[in-house]
Amino acid sequence: MSEYPTCCNSFIPCEQAVDTISRKMPGAPREEVLLTRLFFHIQPYLTGYFNETLKCHDMNETTWMALMVLYSRPEQRISPSELSDALAFSRTNATRVVDDLCQRGMMQRLPSQEDRRKTELILTEKGLAFIAMVMPEQRQRMRELWQDFSPEERALLDGMLRKLLRKVGG
């Protein structure tokens, strides 16, 4: 994998460490280790890429995605556990995000219409207005991220990532 261009310099120390270990322990699955480490390495950069455009709104990608999941639901309603599951968040992290969005007035906690013992999360008018305002920037950012990939490359990557997700249990 060392044939990649210099734009991947941040990954070089990891790759060098894997190569050293591979020499010390022949038979190590070098390629598989590098692919796995590359996923872990890319994640903070990808998050940072989207956080750049959200920072001026005092928001991060995690909170934005919670809004998007809620927005996507019928009547913009969801249970806290469904939100947690949809985002692959721990219940604790989901609660933190919901608390933040409620404090901002973008989301409300209300008793469930079916069972008053349960809580539903509901998108507010302020949340809807925020989404309408920020969505064009986020869409543009997404287009920019993937512009160098052909439709065939995107489809191939999608299939491979879904295959990997099935393997790890998602």
C-alpha atoms as a PDB file:
ATOM      1  CA  MET A   1       0.000   0.000   0.000  1.00  0.00           C
ATOM      2  CA  SER A   2       3.021   2.282   0.171  1.00  0.00           C
ATOM      3  CA  GLU A   3       2.512   3.179  -3.492  1.00  0.00           C
ATOM      4  CA  TYR A   4      -0.203   5.680  -2.545  1.00  0.00           C
ATOM      5  CA  PRO A   5       0.462   9.366  -3.212  1.00  0.00           C
ATOM      6  CA  THR A   6       1.842  11.735  -0.610  1.00  0.00           C
ATOM      7  CA  CYS A   7      -1.651  13.002   0.245  1.00  0.00           C
ATOM      8  CA  CYS A   8      -1.786   9.996   2.537  1.00  0.00           C
ATOM      9  CA  ASN A   9       1.267  11.064   4.579  1.00  0.00           C
ATOM     10  CA  SER A  10      -0.650  10.896   7.847  1.00  0.00           C
ATOM     11  CA  PHE A  11      -0.991   7.135   7.377  1.00  0.00           C
ATOM     12  CA  ILE A  12       2.729   6.510   6.738  1.00  0.00           C
ATOM     13  CA  PRO A  13       3.727   6.014  10.423  1.00  0.00           C
ATOM     14  CA  CYS A  14       0.989   3.424  10.850  1.00  0.00           C
ATOM     15  CA  GLU A  15       2.008   1.670   7.651  1.00  0.00           C
ATOM     16  CA  GLN A  16       5.648   1.675   8.750  1.00  0.00           C
ATOM     17  CA  ALA A  17       4.687   0.158  12.113  1.00  0.00           C
ATOM     18  CA  VAL A  18       2.684  -2.585  10.394  1.00  0.00           C
ATOM     19  CA  ASP A  19       5.604  -3.284   8.049  1.00  0.00           C
ATOM     20  CA  THR A  20       8.010  -3.528  10.996  1.00  0.00           C
ATOM     21  CA  ILE A  21       5.715  -5.917  12.836  1.00  0.00           C
ATOM     22  CA  SER A  22       5.267  -7.963   9.668  1.00  0.00           C
ATOM     23  CA  ARG A  23       9.048  -8.341   9.381  1.00  0.00           C
ATOM     24  CA  LYS A  24       9.352  -9.288  13.058  1.00  0.00           C
ATOM     25  CA  MET A  25       6.439 -11.718  12.863  1.00  0.00           C
ATOM     26  CA  PRO A  26       6.390 -13.345   9.421  1.00  0.00           C
ATOM     27  CA  GLY A  27       2.984 -14.518   8.336  1.00  0.00           C
ATOM     28  CA  ALA A  28       1.149 -11.529   9.779  1.00  0.00           C
ATOM     29  CA  PRO A  29      -1.840 -10.502   7.639  1.00  0.00           C
ATOM     30  CA  ARG A  30      -0.209  -7.220   6.521  1.00  0.00           C
ATOM     31  CA  GLU A  31      -2.775  -6.231   3.898  1.00  0.00           C
ATOM     32  CA  GLU A  32      -5.743  -6.994   6.153  1.00  0.00           C
ATOM     33  CA  VAL A  33      -4.187  -5.097   9.056  1.00  0.00           C
ATOM     34  CA  LEU A  34      -3.498  -2.084   6.815  1.00  0.00           C
ATOM     35  CA  LEU A  35      -7.043  -2.051   5.454  1.00  0.00           C
ATOM     36  CA  THR A  36      -8.470  -2.221   8.963  1.00  0.00           C
ATOM     37  CA  ARG A  37      -6.142   0.475  10.300  1.00  0.00           C
ATOM     38  CA  LEU A  38      -6.955   2.652   7.277  1.00  0.00           C
ATOM     39  CA  PHE A  39     -10.644   2.594   8.259  1.00  0.00           C
ATOM     40  CA  PHE A  40      -9.800   3.662  11.803  1.00  0.00           C
ATOM     41  CA  HIS A  41      -7.406   6.307  10.470  1.00  0.00           C
ATOM     42  CA  ILE A  42      -9.896   7.831   8.018  1.00  0.00           C
ATOM     43  CA  GLN A  43     -12.753   8.171  10.522  1.00  0.00           C
ATOM     44  CA  PRO A  44     -11.519  11.257  12.414  1.00  0.00           C
ATOM     45  CA  TYR A  45     -10.584  12.982   9.152  1.00  0.00           C
ATOM     46  CA  LEU A  46     -14.007  12.262   7.698  1.00  0.00           C
ATOM     47  CA  THR A  47     -15.717  13.543  10.824  1.00  0.00           C
ATOM     48  CA  GLY A  48     -13.513  16.639  10.784  1.00  0.00           C
ATOM     49  CA  TYR A  49     -14.355  17.247   7.130  1.00  0.00           C
ATOM     50  CA  PHE A  50     -18.046  17.598   7.941  1.00  0.00           C
ATOM     51  CA  ASN A  51     -17.491  19.318  11.274  1.00  0.00           C
ATOM     52  CA  GLU A  52     -15.725  22.145   9.398  1.00  0.00           C
ATOM     53  CA  THR A  53     -18.975  23.348   7.844  1.00  0.00           C
ATOM     54  CA  LEU A  54     -21.032  22.714  10.971  1.00  0.00           C
ATOM     55  CA  LYS A  55     -18.664  24.509  13.360  1.00  0.00           C
ATOM     56  CA  CYS A  56     -19.995  27.957  12.443  1.00  0.00           C
ATOM     57  CA  HIS A  57     -23.435  26.703  13.550  1.00  0.00           C
ATOM     58  CA  ASP A  58     -22.003  25.461  16.864  1.00  0.00           C
ATOM     59  CA  MET A  59     -22.846  21.897  15.869  1.00  0.00           C
ATOM     60  CA  ASN A  60     -20.970  18.721  15.011  1.00  0.00           C
ATOM     61  CA  GLU A  61     -21.591  15.861  12.627  1.00  0.00           C
ATOM     62  CA  THR A  62     -22.951  13.583  15.352  1.00  0.00           C
ATOM     63  CA  THR A  63     -25.637  16.069  16.348  1.00  0.00           C
ATOM     64  CA  TRP A  64     -26.406  16.844  12.700  1.00  0.00           C
ATOM     65  CA  MET A  65     -26.975  13.156  11.961  1.00  0.00           C
ATOM     66  CA  ALA A  66     -29.347  12.877  14.914  1.00  0.00           C
ATOM     67  CA  LEU A  67     -31.361  15.732  13.403  1.00  0.00           C
ATOM     68  CA  MET A  68     -31.294  14.017  10.001  1.00  0.00           C
ATOM     69  CA  VAL A  69     -32.588  10.740  11.416  1.00  0.00           C
ATOM     70  CA  LEU A  70     -35.392  12.538  13.220  1.00  0.00           C
ATOM     71  CA  TYR A  71     -36.203  14.570  10.094  1.00  0.00           C
ATOM     72  CA  SER A  72     -36.417  11.377   8.031  1.00  0.00           C
ATOM     73  CA  ARG A  73     -39.100   9.804  10.234  1.00  0.00           C
ATOM     74  CA  PRO A  74     -42.837  10.075   9.647  1.00  0.00           C
ATOM     75  CA  GLU A  75     -44.102  13.161  11.439  1.00  0.00           C
ATOM     76  CA  GLN A  76     -40.480  13.737  12.550  1.00  0.00           C
ATOM     77  CA  ARG A  77     -41.017  11.496  15.606  1.00  0.00           C
ATOM     78  CA  ILE A  78     -38.786   8.772  16.991  1.00  0.00           C
ATOM     79  CA  SER A  79     -38.182   6.976  20.262  1.00  0.00           C
ATOM     80  CA  PRO A  80     -34.837   7.554  21.982  1.00  0.00           C
ATOM     81  CA  SER A  81     -33.902   3.888  21.578  1.00  0.00           C
ATOM     82  CA  GLU A  82     -34.709   3.975  17.850  1.00  0.00           C
ATOM     83  CA  LEU A  83     -32.496   7.032  17.449  1.00  0.00           C
ATOM     84  CA  SER A  84     -29.688   5.318  19.323  1.00  0.00           C
ATOM     85  CA  ASP A  85     -30.013   2.221  17.135  1.00  0.00           C
ATOM     86  CA  ALA A  86     -30.242   4.187  13.883  1.00  0.00           C
ATOM     87  CA  LEU A  87     -27.002   6.018  14.638  1.00  0.00           C
ATOM     88  CA  ALA A  88     -25.188   3.086  16.274  1.00  0.00           C
ATOM     89  CA  PHE A  89     -24.789   5.234  19.402  1.00  0.00           C
ATOM     90  CA  SER A  90     -24.660   4.039  22.955  1.00  0.00           C
ATOM     91  CA  ARG A  91     -27.742   5.023  24.952  1.00  0.00           C
ATOM     92  CA  THR A  92     -25.542   7.403  26.946  1.00  0.00           C
ATOM     93  CA  ASN A  93     -24.229   9.164  23.843  1.00  0.00           C
ATOM     94  CA  ALA A  94     -27.727   9.354  22.351  1.00  0.00           C
ATOM     95  CA  THR A  95     -29.009  10.943  25.571  1.00  0.00           C
ATOM     96  CA  ARG A  96     -26.220  13.520  25.472  1.00  0.00           C
ATOM     97  CA  VAL A  97     -27.065  14.430  21.854  1.00  0.00           C
ATOM     98  CA  VAL A  98     -30.806  14.589  22.593  1.00  0.00           C
ATOM     99  CA  ASP A  99     -30.179  16.776  25.645  1.00  0.00           C
ATOM    100  CA  ASP A 100     -28.139  19.160  23.494  1.00  0.00           C
ATOM    101  CA  LEU A 101     -30.795  19.373  20.772  1.00  0.00           C
ATOM    102  CA  CYS A 102     -33.551  19.876  23.344  1.00  0.00           C
ATOM    103  CA  GLN A 103     -31.583  22.687  25.007  1.00  0.00           C
ATOM    104  CA  ARG A 104     -31.204  24.345  21.608  1.00  0.00           C
ATOM    105  CA  GLY A 105     -34.943  24.093  21.043  1.00  0.00           C
ATOM    106  CA  MET A 106     -34.540  21.919  17.933  1.00  0.00           C
ATOM    107  CA  MET A 107     -36.100  18.829  19.456  1.00  0.00           C
ATOM    108  CA  GLN A 108     -38.627  18.098  22.200  1.00  0.00           C
ATOM    109  CA  ARG A 109     -39.235  15.129  24.436  1.00  0.00           C
ATOM    110  CA  LEU A 110     -42.960  14.371  24.698  1.00  0.00           C
ATOM    111  CA  PRO A 111     -44.959  11.478  26.118  1.00  0.00           C
ATOM    112  CA  SER A 112     -45.690   8.852  23.468  1.00  0.00           C
ATOM    113  CA  GLN A 113     -49.123   9.075  21.873  1.00  0.00           C
ATOM    114  CA  GLU A 114     -49.535   5.299  22.217  1.00  0.00           C
ATOM    115  CA  ASP A 115     -48.036   4.787  25.678  1.00  0.00           C
ATOM    116  CA  ARG A 116     -47.668   7.709  28.083  1.00  0.00           C
ATOM    117  CA  ARG A 117     -44.939   5.826  29.979  1.00  0.00           C
ATOM    118  CA  LYS A 118     -42.686   6.136  26.923  1.00  0.00           C
ATOM    119  CA  THR A 119     -41.026   9.199  25.465  1.00  0.00           C
ATOM    120  CA  GLU A 120     -40.947  10.362  21.862  1.00  0.00           C
ATOM    121  CA  LEU A 121     -38.527  12.797  20.335  1.00  0.00           C
ATOM    122  CA  ILE A 122     -40.114  15.365  18.046  1.00  0.00           C
ATOM    123  CA  LEU A 123     -38.477  17.843  15.704  1.00  0.00           C
ATOM    124  CA  THR A 124     -39.484  21.446  16.434  1.00  0.00           C
ATOM    125  CA  GLU A 125     -40.068  24.305  14.004  1.00  0.00           C
ATOM    126  CA  LYS A 126     -36.683  25.682  15.022  1.00  0.00           C
ATOM    127  CA  GLY A 127     -35.107  22.328  14.146  1.00  0.00           C
ATOM    128  CA  LEU A 128     -36.864  22.272  10.772  1.00  0.00           C
ATOM    129  CA  ALA A 129     -35.689  25.820  10.019  1.00  0.00           C
ATOM    130  CA  PHE A 130     -32.113  24.914  10.978  1.00  0.00           C
ATOM    131  CA  ILE A 131     -32.148  21.876   8.686  1.00  0.00           C
ATOM    132  CA  ALA A 132     -33.494  23.973   5.789  1.00  0.00           C
ATOM    133  CA  MET A 133     -30.730  26.521   6.350  1.00  0.00           C
ATOM    134  CA  VAL A 134     -27.803  24.082   6.691  1.00  0.00           C
ATOM    135  CA  MET A 135     -28.812  21.320   4.270  1.00  0.00           C
ATOM    136  CA  PRO A 136     -27.529  23.067   1.112  1.00  0.00           C
ATOM    137  CA  GLU A 137     -24.018  23.444   2.622  1.00  0.00           C
ATOM    138  CA  GLN A 138     -23.964  19.837   3.781  1.00  0.00           C
ATOM    139  CA  ARG A 139     -25.122  18.553   0.399  1.00  0.00           C
ATOM    140  CA  GLN A 140     -22.402  20.558  -1.313  1.00  0.00           C
ATOM    141  CA  ARG A 141     -19.805  19.244   1.118  1.00  0.00           C
ATOM    142  CA  MET A 142     -20.947  15.681   0.392  1.00  0.00           C
ATOM    143  CA  ARG A 143     -20.716  16.235  -3.369  1.00  0.00           C
ATOM    144  CA  GLU A 144     -17.196  17.648  -2.987  1.00  0.00           C
ATOM    145  CA  LEU A 145     -16.098  14.675  -0.916  1.00  0.00           C
ATOM    146  CA  TRP A 146     -17.133  12.128  -3.535  1.00  0.00           C
ATOM    147  CA  GLN A 147     -16.528  14.093  -6.748  1.00  0.00           C
ATOM    148  CA  ASP A 148     -13.298  12.247  -7.599  1.00  0.00           C
ATOM    149  CA  PHE A 149     -15.039   8.856  -7.519  1.00  0.00           C
ATOM    150  CA  SER A 150     -16.896   7.555 -10.544  1.00  0.00           C
ATOM    151  CA  PRO A 151     -20.404   6.166 -10.082  1.00  0.00           C
ATOM    152  CA  GLU A 152     -18.925   2.691 -10.583  1.00  0.00           C
ATOM    153  CA  GLU A 153     -16.297   3.265  -7.889  1.00  0.00           C
ATOM    154  CA  ARG A 154     -18.927   4.538  -5.459  1.00  0.00           C
ATOM    155  CA  ALA A 155     -21.140   1.513  -6.149  1.00  0.00           C
ATOM    156  CA  LEU A 156     -18.202  -0.857  -5.685  1.00  0.00           C
ATOM    157  CA  LEU A 157     -17.160   0.803  -2.425  1.00  0.00           C
ATOM    158  CA  ASP A 158     -20.769   0.734  -1.198  1.00  0.00           C
ATOM    159  CA  GLY A 159     -21.004  -2.996  -1.855  1.00  0.00           C
ATOM    160  CA  MET A 160     -17.678  -3.730  -0.213  1.00  0.00           C
ATOM    161  CA  LEU A 161     -18.438  -1.658   2.872  1.00  0.00           C
ATOM    162  CA  ARG A 162     -21.840  -3.309   3.277  1.00  0.00           C
ATOM    163  CA  LYS A 163     -20.176  -6.706   2.977  1.00  0.00           C
ATOM    164  CA  LEU A 164     -17.708  -5.705   5.690  1.00  0.00           C
ATOM    165  CA  LEU A 165     -20.569  -4.378   7.849  1.00  0.00           C
ATOM    166  CA  ARG A 166     -22.378  -7.736   7.575  1.00  0.00           C
ATOM    167  CA  LYS A 167     -19.166  -9.491   8.618  1.00  0.00           C
ATOM    168  CA  VAL A 168     -18.721  -7.441  11.790  1.00  0.00           C
ATOM    169  CA  GLY A 169     -22.368  -7.769  12.734  1.00  0.00           C
ATOM    170  CA  GLY A 170     -23.947  -4.431  11.886  1.00  0.00           C
END
